[in-house]
PDB file of N, CA and C in Angstrom:
ATOM      1  N   MET A   1       0.836  -1.187   0.000  1.00  0.00           N
ATOM      2  CA  MET A   1       0.000   0.000   0.000  1.00  0.00           C
ATOM      3  C   MET A   1       0.880   1.249   0.000  1.00  0.00           C
ATOM      4  N   ALA A   2       0.506   2.229  -0.817  1.00  0.00           N
ATOM      5  CA  ALA A   2       1.287   3.452  -0.924  1.00  0.00           C
ATOM      6  C   ALA A   2       1.182   4.268   0.360  1.00  0.00           C
ATOM      7  N   GLN A   3       2.284   4.932   0.676  1.00  0.00           N
ATOM      8  CA  GLN A   3       2.280   5.812   1.844  1.00  0.00           C
ATOM      9  C   GLN A   3       3.184   6.999   1.583  1.00  0.00           C
ATOM     10  N   PHE A   4       2.926   8.097   2.298  1.00  0.00           N
ATOM     11  CA  PHE A   4       3.744   9.299   2.159  1.00  0.00           C
ATOM     12  C   PHE A   4       4.999   9.160   3.015  1.00  0.00           C
ATOM     13  N   THR A   5       6.141   9.567   2.436  1.00  0.00           N
ATOM     14  CA  THR A   5       7.427   9.518   3.110  1.00  0.00           C
ATOM     15  C   THR A   5       8.086  10.884   2.984  1.00  0.00           C
ATOM     16  N   LYS A   6       8.622  11.397   4.102  1.00  0.00           N
ATOM     17  CA  LYS A   6       9.341  12.679   4.057  1.00  0.00           C
ATOM     18  C   LYS A   6      10.612  12.510   3.237  1.00  0.00           C
ATOM     19  N   VAL A   7      10.802  13.419   2.271  1.00  0.00           N
ATOM     20  CA  VAL A   7      11.988  13.356   1.419  1.00  0.00           C
ATOM     21  C   VAL A   7      12.840  14.617   1.485  1.00  0.00           C
ATOM     22  N   ALA A   8      12.245  15.698   1.987  1.00  0.00           N
ATOM     23  CA  ALA A   8      12.975  16.970   2.027  1.00  0.00           C
ATOM     24  C   ALA A   8      12.234  17.953   2.919  1.00  0.00           C
ATOM     25  N   SER A   9      12.886  19.068   3.147  1.00  0.00           N
ATOM     26  CA  SER A   9      12.272  20.203   3.820  1.00  0.00           C
ATOM     27  C   SER A   9      12.028  21.260   2.747  1.00  0.00           C
ATOM     28  N   THR A  10      11.011  22.084   2.918  1.00  0.00           N
ATOM     29  CA  THR A  10      10.727  23.110   1.914  1.00  0.00           C
ATOM     30  C   THR A  10      11.929  24.029   1.695  1.00  0.00           C
ATOM     31  N   ALA A  11      12.756  24.211   2.720  1.00  0.00           N
ATOM     32  CA  ALA A  11      13.936  25.081   2.605  1.00  0.00           C
ATOM     33  C   ALA A  11      15.055  24.429   1.788  1.00  0.00           C
ATOM     34  N   ASP A  12      14.964  23.108   1.551  1.00  0.00           N
ATOM     35  CA  ASP A  12      16.013  22.385   0.820  1.00  0.00           C
ATOM     36  C   ASP A  12      16.003  22.669  -0.676  1.00  0.00           C
ATOM     37  N   LEU A  13      14.880  23.146  -1.194  1.00  0.00           N
ATOM     38  CA  LEU A  13      14.716  23.246  -2.641  1.00  0.00           C
ATOM     39  C   LEU A  13      14.146  24.613  -3.012  1.00  0.00           C
ATOM     40  N   ALA A  14      14.973  25.448  -3.623  1.00  0.00           N
ATOM     41  CA  ALA A  14      14.538  26.781  -4.039  1.00  0.00           C
ATOM     42  C   ALA A  14      13.601  26.674  -5.239  1.00  0.00           C
ATOM     43  N   PRO A  15      12.744  27.661  -5.458  1.00  0.00           N
ATOM     44  CA  PRO A  15      11.887  27.648  -6.644  1.00  0.00           C
ATOM     45  C   PRO A  15      12.719  27.511  -7.920  1.00  0.00           C
ATOM     46  N   GLY A  16      12.276  26.632  -8.818  1.00  0.00           N
ATOM     47  CA  GLY A  16      12.994  26.376 -10.065  1.00  0.00           C
ATOM     48  C   GLY A  16      14.075  25.321  -9.941  1.00  0.00           C
ATOM     49  N   ALA A  17      14.266  24.802  -8.736  1.00  0.00           N
ATOM     50  CA  ALA A  17      15.323  23.813  -8.504  1.00  0.00           C
ATOM     51  C   ALA A  17      14.753  22.398  -8.483  1.00  0.00           C
ATOM     52  N   ALA A  18      15.665  21.423  -8.600  1.00  0.00           N
ATOM     53  CA  ALA A  18      15.298  20.011  -8.550  1.00  0.00           C
ATOM     54  C   ALA A  18      16.365  19.253  -7.788  1.00  0.00           C
ATOM     55  N   LYS A  19      15.980  18.095  -7.251  1.00  0.00           N
ATOM     56  CA  LYS A  19      16.956  17.226  -6.609  1.00  0.00           C
ATOM     57  C   LYS A  19      16.459  15.797  -6.702  1.00  0.00           C
ATOM     58  N   CYS A  20      17.396  14.865  -6.618  1.00  0.00           N
ATOM     59  CA  CYS A  20      17.055  13.444  -6.617  1.00  0.00           C
ATOM     60  C   CYS A  20      16.885  12.994  -5.170  1.00  0.00           C
ATOM     61  N   VAL A  21      15.773  12.307  -4.915  1.00  0.00           N
ATOM     62  CA  VAL A  21      15.532  11.709  -3.602  1.00  0.00           C
ATOM     63  C   VAL A  21      15.273  10.224  -3.824  1.00  0.00           C
ATOM     64  N   GLU A  22      15.517   9.430  -2.805  1.00  0.00           N
ATOM     65  CA  GLU A  22      15.275   7.990  -2.930  1.00  0.00           C
ATOM     66  C   GLU A  22      14.228   7.568  -1.917  1.00  0.00           C
ATOM     67  N   VAL A  23      13.199   6.893  -2.418  1.00  0.00           N
ATOM     68  CA  VAL A  23      12.112   6.402  -1.577  1.00  0.00           C
ATOM     69  C   VAL A  23      11.822   4.963  -1.981  1.00  0.00           C
ATOM     70  N   ALA A  24      11.856   4.065  -1.018  1.00  0.00           N
ATOM     71  CA  ALA A  24      11.550   2.647  -1.264  1.00  0.00           C
ATOM     72  C   ALA A  24      12.336   2.089  -2.445  1.00  0.00           C
ATOM     73  N   GLY A  25      13.611   2.489  -2.547  1.00  0.00           N
ATOM     74  CA  GLY A  25      14.477   1.984  -3.610  1.00  0.00           C
ATOM     75  C   GLY A  25      14.273   2.644  -4.962  1.00  0.00           C
ATOM     76  N   LYS A  26      13.394   3.637  -5.046  1.00  0.00           N
ATOM     77  CA  LYS A  26      13.142   4.345  -6.306  1.00  0.00           C
ATOM     78  C   LYS A  26      13.844   5.690  -6.288  1.00  0.00           C
ATOM     79  N   LYS A  27      14.480   6.034  -7.418  1.00  0.00           N
ATOM     80  CA  LYS A  27      15.070   7.364  -7.569  1.00  0.00           C
ATOM     81  C   LYS A  27      13.999   8.268  -8.154  1.00  0.00           C
ATOM     82  N   ILE A  28      13.703   9.331  -7.412  1.00  0.00           N
ATOM     83  CA  ILE A  28      12.621  10.244  -7.781  1.00  0.00           C
ATOM     84  C   ILE A  28      13.173  11.655  -7.898  1.00  0.00           C
ATOM     85  N   ALA A  29      12.777  12.343  -8.971  1.00  0.00           N
ATOM     86  CA  ALA A  29      13.160  13.744  -9.167  1.00  0.00           C
ATOM     87  C   ALA A  29      12.102  14.614  -8.509  1.00  0.00           C
ATOM     88  N   LEU A  30      12.530  15.439  -7.568  1.00  0.00           N
ATOM     89  CA  LEU A  30      11.635  16.347  -6.846  1.00  0.00           C
ATOM     90  C   LEU A  30      11.885  17.759  -7.353  1.00  0.00           C
ATOM     91  N   PHE A  31      10.818  18.455  -7.735  1.00  0.00           N
ATOM     92  CA  PHE A  31      10.916  19.797  -8.301  1.00  0.00           C
ATOM     93  C   PHE A  31      10.116  20.795  -7.472  1.00  0.00           C
ATOM     94  N   ASN A  32      10.617  22.027  -7.398  1.00  0.00           N
ATOM     95  CA  ASN A  32       9.888  23.132  -6.787  1.00  0.00           C
ATOM     96  C   ASN A  32       9.558  24.110  -7.912  1.00  0.00           C
ATOM     97  N   LEU A  33       8.277  24.183  -8.266  1.00  0.00           N
ATOM     98  CA  LEU A  33       7.829  25.134  -9.280  1.00  0.00           C
ATOM     99  C   LEU A  33       7.036  26.238  -8.577  1.00  0.00           C
ATOM    100  N   GLU A  34       7.692  27.378  -8.382  1.00  0.00           N
ATOM    101  CA  GLU A  34       7.063  28.543  -7.765  1.00  0.00           C
ATOM    102  C   GLU A  34       6.382  28.212  -6.440  1.00  0.00           C
ATOM    103  N   GLY A  35       7.038  27.367  -5.637  1.00  0.00           N
ATOM    104  CA  GLY A  35       6.523  27.043  -4.309  1.00  0.00           C
ATOM    105  C   GLY A  35       5.652  25.803  -4.244  1.00  0.00           C
ATOM    106  N   SER A  36       5.309  25.209  -5.397  1.00  0.00           N
ATOM    107  CA  SER A  36       4.569  23.948  -5.433  1.00  0.00           C
ATOM    108  C   SER A  36       5.547  22.833  -5.791  1.00  0.00           C
ATOM    109  N   PHE A  37       5.402  21.696  -5.127  1.00  0.00           N
ATOM    110  CA  PHE A  37       6.346  20.597  -5.317  1.00  0.00           C
ATOM    111  C   PHE A  37       5.725  19.485  -6.162  1.00  0.00           C
ATOM    112  N   TYR A  38       6.563  18.902  -7.034  1.00  0.00           N
ATOM    113  CA  TYR A  38       6.139  17.830  -7.928  1.00  0.00           C
ATOM    114  C   TYR A  38       7.214  16.752  -7.941  1.00  0.00           C
ATOM    115  N   ALA A  39       6.798  15.509  -8.191  1.00  0.00           N
ATOM    116  CA  ALA A  39       7.750  14.399  -8.205  1.00  0.00           C
ATOM    117  C   ALA A  39       7.445  13.473  -9.374  1.00  0.00           C
ATOM    118  N   ILE A  40       8.498  13.128 -10.117  1.00  0.00           N
ATOM    119  CA  ILE A  40       8.406  12.157 -11.213  1.00  0.00           C
ATOM    120  C   ILE A  40       9.619  11.231 -11.116  1.00  0.00           C
ATOM    121  N   ASP A  41       9.571  10.104 -11.832  1.00  0.00           N
ATOM    122  CA  ASP A  41      10.742   9.224 -11.865  1.00  0.00           C
ATOM    123  C   ASP A  41      11.944  10.029 -12.323  1.00  0.00           C
ATOM    124  N   ASP A  42      13.105   9.747 -11.735  1.00  0.00           N
ATOM    125  CA  ASP A  42      14.325  10.479 -12.066  1.00  0.00           C
ATOM    126  C   ASP A  42      15.015   9.929 -13.308  1.00  0.00           C
ATOM    127  N   THR A  43      14.561   8.788 -13.802  1.00  0.00           N
ATOM    128  CA  THR A  43      15.263   8.095 -14.878  1.00  0.00           C
ATOM    129  C   THR A  43      14.575   8.289 -16.224  1.00  0.00           C
ATOM    130  N   CYS A  44      15.258   8.930 -17.165  1.00  0.00           N
ATOM    131  CA  CYS A  44      14.737   9.143 -18.513  1.00  0.00           C
ATOM    132  C   CYS A  44      14.475   7.796 -19.182  1.00  0.00           C
ATOM    133  N   THR A  45      13.361   7.690 -19.903  1.00  0.00           N
ATOM    134  CA  THR A  45      13.008   6.431 -20.566  1.00  0.00           C
ATOM    135  C   THR A  45      13.812   6.191 -21.833  1.00  0.00           C
ATOM    136  N   HIS A  46      14.631   7.144 -22.260  1.00  0.00           N
ATOM    137  CA  HIS A  46      15.454   6.939 -23.455  1.00  0.00           C
ATOM    138  C   HIS A  46      16.709   6.138 -23.129  1.00  0.00           C
ATOM    139  N   ARG A  47      17.580   6.685 -22.304  1.00  0.00           N
ATOM    140  CA  ARG A  47      18.829   5.993 -21.960  1.00  0.00           C
ATOM    141  C   ARG A  47      19.153   6.094 -20.472  1.00  0.00           C
ATOM    142  N   GLY A  48      18.178   6.475 -19.654  1.00  0.00           N
ATOM    143  CA  GLY A  48      18.390   6.464 -18.207  1.00  0.00           C
ATOM    144  C   GLY A  48      19.019   7.698 -17.613  1.00  0.00           C
ATOM    145  N   GLY A  49      19.001   8.799 -18.324  1.00  0.00           N
ATOM    146  CA  GLY A  49      19.589  10.038 -17.807  1.00  0.00           C
ATOM    147  C   GLY A  49      18.873  10.530 -16.551  1.00  0.00           C
ATOM    148  N   PRO A  50      19.591  11.261 -15.690  1.00  0.00           N
ATOM    149  CA  PRO A  50      19.022  11.766 -14.434  1.00  0.00           C
ATOM    150  C   PRO A  50      18.215  13.050 -14.650  1.00  0.00           C
ATOM    151  N   LEU A  51      16.900  12.950 -14.635  1.00  0.00           N
ATOM    152  CA  LEU A  51      16.059  14.114 -14.905  1.00  0.00           C
ATOM    153  C   LEU A  51      16.227  15.213 -13.854  1.00  0.00           C
ATOM    154  N   SER A  52      16.586  14.834 -12.627  1.00  0.00           N
ATOM    155  CA  SER A  52      16.783  15.844 -11.582  1.00  0.00           C
ATOM    156  C   SER A  52      17.966  16.762 -11.895  1.00  0.00           C
ATOM    157  N   GLU A  53      18.818  16.366 -12.825  1.00  0.00           N
ATOM    158  CA  GLU A  53      19.962  17.194 -13.212  1.00  0.00           C
ATOM    159  C   GLU A  53      19.696  17.966 -14.493  1.00  0.00           C
ATOM    160  N   GLY A  54      18.475  17.836 -15.031  1.00  0.00           N
ATOM    161  CA  GLY A  54      18.136  18.502 -16.281  1.00  0.00           C
ATOM    162  C   GLY A  54      17.787  19.964 -16.097  1.00  0.00           C
ATOM    163  N   GLU A  55      17.683  20.674 -17.214  1.00  0.00           N
ATOM    164  CA  GLU A  55      17.328  22.088 -17.196  1.00  0.00           C
ATOM    165  C   GLU A  55      15.821  22.232 -17.062  1.00  0.00           C
ATOM    166  N   VAL A  56      15.403  23.049 -16.094  1.00  0.00           N
ATOM    167  CA  VAL A  56      13.983  23.305 -15.850  1.00  0.00           C
ATOM    168  C   VAL A  56      13.596  24.605 -16.534  1.00  0.00           C
ATOM    169  N   SER A  57      12.497  24.548 -17.305  1.00  0.00           N
ATOM    170  CA  SER A  57      11.971  25.735 -17.965  1.00  0.00           C
ATOM    171  C   SER A  57      10.451  25.680 -17.860  1.00  0.00           C
ATOM    172  N   GLY A  58       9.899  26.546 -17.034  1.00  0.00           N
ATOM    173  CA  GLY A  58       8.449  26.501 -16.809  1.00  0.00           C
ATOM    174  C   GLY A  58       8.070  25.175 -16.172  1.00  0.00           C
ATOM    175  N   GLU A  59       7.156  24.440 -16.809  1.00  0.00           N
ATOM    176  CA  GLU A  59       6.710  23.141 -16.300  1.00  0.00           C
ATOM    177  C   GLU A  59       7.429  21.977 -16.981  1.00  0.00           C
ATOM    178  N   GLU A  60       8.541  22.259 -17.667  1.00  0.00           N
ATOM    179  CA  GLU A  60       9.255  21.232 -18.416  1.00  0.00           C
ATOM    180  C   GLU A  60      10.672  21.033 -17.888  1.00  0.00           C
ATOM    181  N   VAL A  61      11.127  19.778 -17.991  1.00  0.00           N
ATOM    182  CA  VAL A  61      12.520  19.471 -17.680  1.00  0.00           C
ATOM    183  C   VAL A  61      13.110  18.756 -18.893  1.00  0.00           C
ATOM    184  N   THR A  62      14.343  19.144 -19.239  1.00  0.00           N
ATOM    185  CA  THR A  62      15.038  18.547 -20.371  1.00  0.00           C
ATOM    186  C   THR A  62      16.124  17.622 -19.847  1.00  0.00           C
ATOM    187  N   CYS A  63      16.105  16.361 -20.298  1.00  0.00           N
ATOM    188  CA  CYS A  63      17.118  15.394 -19.869  1.00  0.00           C
ATOM    189  C   CYS A  63      18.506  15.904 -20.260  1.00  0.00           C
ATOM    190  N   PRO A  64      19.455  15.878 -19.320  1.00  0.00           N
ATOM    191  CA  PRO A  64      20.794  16.402 -19.617  1.00  0.00           C
ATOM    192  C   PRO A  64      21.600  15.533 -20.580  1.00  0.00           C
ATOM    193  N   TRP A  65      21.189  14.282 -20.789  1.00  0.00           N
ATOM    194  CA  TRP A  65      21.978  13.400 -21.652  1.00  0.00           C
ATOM    195  C   TRP A  65      21.668  13.565 -23.135  1.00  0.00           C
ATOM    196  N   HIS A  66      20.395  13.503 -23.533  1.00  0.00           N
ATOM    197  CA  HIS A  66      20.058  13.524 -24.954  1.00  0.00           C
ATOM    198  C   HIS A  66      18.921  14.466 -25.319  1.00  0.00           C
ATOM    199  N   GLY A  67      18.435  15.255 -24.347  1.00  0.00           N
ATOM    200  CA  GLY A  67      17.494  16.311 -24.664  1.00  0.00           C
ATOM    201  C   GLY A  67      16.016  15.965 -24.686  1.00  0.00           C
ATOM    202  N   ALA A  68      15.634  14.779 -24.216  1.00  0.00           N
ATOM    203  CA  ALA A  68      14.205  14.465 -24.141  1.00  0.00           C
ATOM    204  C   ALA A  68      13.543  15.443 -23.168  1.00  0.00           C
ATOM    205  N   ILE A  69      12.303  15.814 -23.451  1.00  0.00           N
ATOM    206  CA  ILE A  69      11.599  16.802 -22.632  1.00  0.00           C
ATOM    207  C   ILE A  69      10.388  16.152 -21.976  1.00  0.00           C
ATOM    208  N   TYR A  70      10.224  16.438 -20.679  1.00  0.00           N
ATOM    209  CA  TYR A  70       9.114  15.882 -19.896  1.00  0.00           C
ATOM    210  C   TYR A  70       8.337  16.997 -19.212  1.00  0.00           C
ATOM    211  N   ASN A  71       7.042  16.757 -19.008  1.00  0.00           N
ATOM    212  CA  ASN A  71       6.223  17.653 -18.200  1.00  0.00           C
ATOM    213  C   ASN A  71       6.460  17.297 -16.737  1.00  0.00           C
ATOM    214  N   ILE A  72       6.863  18.254 -15.946  1.00  0.00           N
ATOM    215  CA  ILE A  72       7.182  18.021 -14.533  1.00  0.00           C
ATOM    216  C   ILE A  72       5.934  17.652 -13.734  1.00  0.00           C
ATOM    217  N   LYS A  73       4.788  18.214 -14.102  1.00  0.00           N
ATOM    218  CA  LYS A  73       3.557  17.965 -13.344  1.00  0.00           C
ATOM    219  C   LYS A  73       2.935  16.600 -13.630  1.00  0.00           C
ATOM    220  N   THR A  74       3.114  16.091 -14.862  1.00  0.00           N
ATOM    221  CA  THR A  74       2.438  14.846 -15.251  1.00  0.00           C
ATOM    222  C   THR A  74       3.368  13.684 -15.548  1.00  0.00           C
ATOM    223  N   GLY A  75       4.629  13.963 -15.858  1.00  0.00           N
ATOM    224  CA  GLY A  75       5.563  12.925 -16.271  1.00  0.00           C
ATOM    225  C   GLY A  75       5.464  12.593 -17.751  1.00  0.00           C
ATOM    226  N   ALA A  76       4.542  13.243 -18.473  1.00  0.00           N
ATOM    227  CA  ALA A  76       4.362  12.969 -19.904  1.00  0.00           C
ATOM    228  C   ALA A  76       5.598  13.399 -20.686  1.00  0.00           C
ATOM    229  N   VAL A  77       5.945  12.589 -21.707  1.00  0.00           N
ATOM    230  CA  VAL A  77       7.057  12.968 -22.576  1.00  0.00           C
ATOM    231  C   VAL A  77       6.525  13.980 -23.596  1.00  0.00           C
ATOM    232  N   LEU A  78       7.280  15.062 -23.779  1.00  0.00           N
ATOM    233  CA  LEU A  78       6.868  16.137 -24.682  1.00  0.00           C
ATOM    234  C   LEU A  78       7.759  16.244 -25.908  1.00  0.00           C
ATOM    235  N   GLY A  79       8.947  15.614 -25.842  1.00  0.00           N
ATOM    236  CA  GLY A  79       9.861  15.702 -26.969  1.00  0.00           C
ATOM    237  C   GLY A  79      10.807  14.532 -27.005  1.00  0.00           C
ATOM    238  N   PRO A  80      11.184  14.098 -28.229  1.00  0.00           N
ATOM    239  CA  PRO A  80      12.075  12.949 -28.393  1.00  0.00           C
ATOM    240  C   PRO A  80      13.467  13.250 -27.834  1.00  0.00           C
ATOM    241  N   PRO A  81      14.281  12.203 -27.645  1.00  0.00           N
ATOM    242  CA  PRO A  81      14.122  10.837 -28.151  1.00  0.00           C
ATOM    243  C   PRO A  81      13.433   9.860 -27.195  1.00  0.00           C
ATOM    244  N   ALA A  82      12.932  10.295 -26.063  1.00  0.00           N
ATOM    245  CA  ALA A  82      12.297   9.367 -25.110  1.00  0.00           C
ATOM    246  C   ALA A  82      11.041   8.745 -25.742  1.00  0.00           C
ATOM    247  N   PRO A  83      10.877   7.421 -25.588  1.00  0.00           N
ATOM    248  CA  PRO A  83       9.734   6.746 -26.197  1.00  0.00           C
ATOM    249  C   PRO A  83       8.434   6.880 -25.408  1.00  0.00           C
ATOM    250  N   ARG A  84       8.529   7.195 -24.118  1.00  0.00           N
ATOM    251  CA  ARG A  84       7.319   7.274 -23.282  1.00  0.00           C
ATOM    252  C   ARG A  84       7.615   8.140 -22.057  1.00  0.00           C
ATOM    253  N   GLY A  85       6.547   8.498 -21.377  1.00  0.00           N
ATOM    254  CA  GLY A  85       6.670   9.316 -20.177  1.00  0.00           C
ATOM    255  C   GLY A  85       7.176   8.517 -18.989  1.00  0.00           C
ATOM    256  N   VAL A  86       7.257   9.191 -17.863  1.00  0.00           N
ATOM    257  CA  VAL A  86       7.697   8.569 -16.609  1.00  0.00           C
ATOM    258  C   VAL A  86       6.558   8.667 -15.590  1.00  0.00           C
ATOM    259  N   ALA A  87       6.655   7.863 -14.540  1.00  0.00           N
ATOM    260  CA  ALA A  87       5.636   7.889 -13.490  1.00  0.00           C
ATOM    261  C   ALA A  87       5.699   9.201 -12.717  1.00  0.00           C
ATOM    262  N   ARG A  88       4.534   9.637 -12.252  1.00  0.00           N
ATOM    263  CA  ARG A  88       4.476  10.803 -11.375  1.00  0.00           C
ATOM    264  C   ARG A  88       3.997  10.331 -10.013  1.00  0.00           C
ATOM    265  N   TYR A  89       4.358  11.095  -9.001  1.00  0.00           N
ATOM    266  CA  TYR A  89       4.017  10.730  -7.627  1.00  0.00           C
ATOM    267  C   TYR A  89       3.326  11.890  -6.938  1.00  0.00           C
ATOM    268  N   ALA A  90       2.364  11.572  -6.090  1.00  0.00           N
ATOM    269  CA  ALA A  90       1.684  12.599  -5.308  1.00  0.00           C
ATOM    270  C   ALA A  90       2.671  13.182  -4.303  1.00  0.00           C
ATOM    271  N   VAL A  91       2.584  14.500  -4.114  1.00  0.00           N
ATOM    272  CA  VAL A  91       3.443  15.208  -3.168  1.00  0.00           C
ATOM    273  C   VAL A  91       2.547  16.041  -2.263  1.00  0.00           C
ATOM    274  N   ARG A  92       2.892  16.066  -0.977  1.00  0.00           N
ATOM    275  CA  ARG A  92       2.180  16.956  -0.063  1.00  0.00           C
ATOM    276  C   ARG A  92       3.203  17.622   0.839  1.00  0.00           C
ATOM    277  N   VAL A  93       2.827  18.801   1.325  1.00  0.00           N
ATOM    278  CA  VAL A  93       3.675  19.543   2.252  1.00  0.00           C
ATOM    279  C   VAL A  93       2.953  19.591   3.587  1.00  0.00           C
ATOM    280  N   GLN A  94       3.622  19.095   4.624  1.00  0.00           N
ATOM    281  CA  GLN A  94       3.099  19.085   5.991  1.00  0.00           C
ATOM    282  C   GLN A  94       4.021  19.973   6.822  1.00  0.00           C
ATOM    283  N   GLY A  95       3.587  21.194   7.095  1.00  0.00           N
ATOM    284  CA  GLY A  95       4.482  22.136   7.769  1.00  0.00           C
ATOM    285  C   GLY A  95       5.621  22.460   6.830  1.00  0.00           C
ATOM    286  N   SER A  96       6.855  22.139   7.222  1.00  0.00           N
ATOM    287  CA  SER A  96       8.001  22.364   6.334  1.00  0.00           C
ATOM    288  C   SER A  96       8.488  21.056   5.692  1.00  0.00           C
ATOM    289  N   ASP A  97       7.789  19.951   5.958  1.00  0.00           N
ATOM    290  CA  ASP A  97       8.180  18.652   5.391  1.00  0.00           C
ATOM    291  C   ASP A  97       7.556  18.438   4.024  1.00  0.00           C
ATOM    292  N   VAL A  98       8.384  18.027   3.071  1.00  0.00           N
ATOM    293  CA  VAL A  98       7.890  17.649   1.751  1.00  0.00           C
ATOM    294  C   VAL A  98       7.823  16.128   1.728  1.00  0.00           C
ATOM    295  N   GLU A  99       6.643  15.587   1.426  1.00  0.00           N
ATOM    296  CA  GLU A  99       6.437  14.146   1.436  1.00  0.00           C
ATOM    297  C   GLU A  99       5.965  13.659   0.073  1.00  0.00           C
ATOM    298  N   VAL A 100       6.483  12.480  -0.320  1.00  0.00           N
ATOM    299  CA  VAL A 100       6.116  11.868  -1.598  1.00  0.00           C
ATOM    300  C   VAL A 100       5.423  10.549  -1.306  1.00  0.00           C
ATOM    301  N   GLU A 101       4.363  10.271  -2.058  1.00  0.00           N
ATOM    302  CA  GLU A 101       3.617   9.023  -1.900  1.00  0.00           C
ATOM    303  C   GLU A 101       4.145   7.972  -2.856  1.00  0.00           C
ATOM    304  N   VAL A 102       4.643   6.862  -2.280  1.00  0.00           N
ATOM    305  CA  VAL A 102       5.175   5.757  -3.096  1.00  0.00           C
ATOM    306  C   VAL A 102       4.530   4.468  -2.607  1.00  0.00           C
TER     307      VAL A 102
END
């Protein structure tokens, strides 16, 4: 059964920033978009690039390895060469704790 796990503090991630967190053995990219937090799989579906290290522009992140583009809010792939999107995870903020549901 899925449960929320604390992965960061709100002060850990500035707006427009991303970081990789690990929950239940999964690498998850956590993003702060203008004070709202979002989480998607950190691994690009093309060749496994780390999405948390990609360039963030608006609601999109570009994989640093080969340029595939993903929607940060949904995990949908928006541009090649990735063949498909990545999973997204529910995020909630409890006080200053950022929690991801896995």
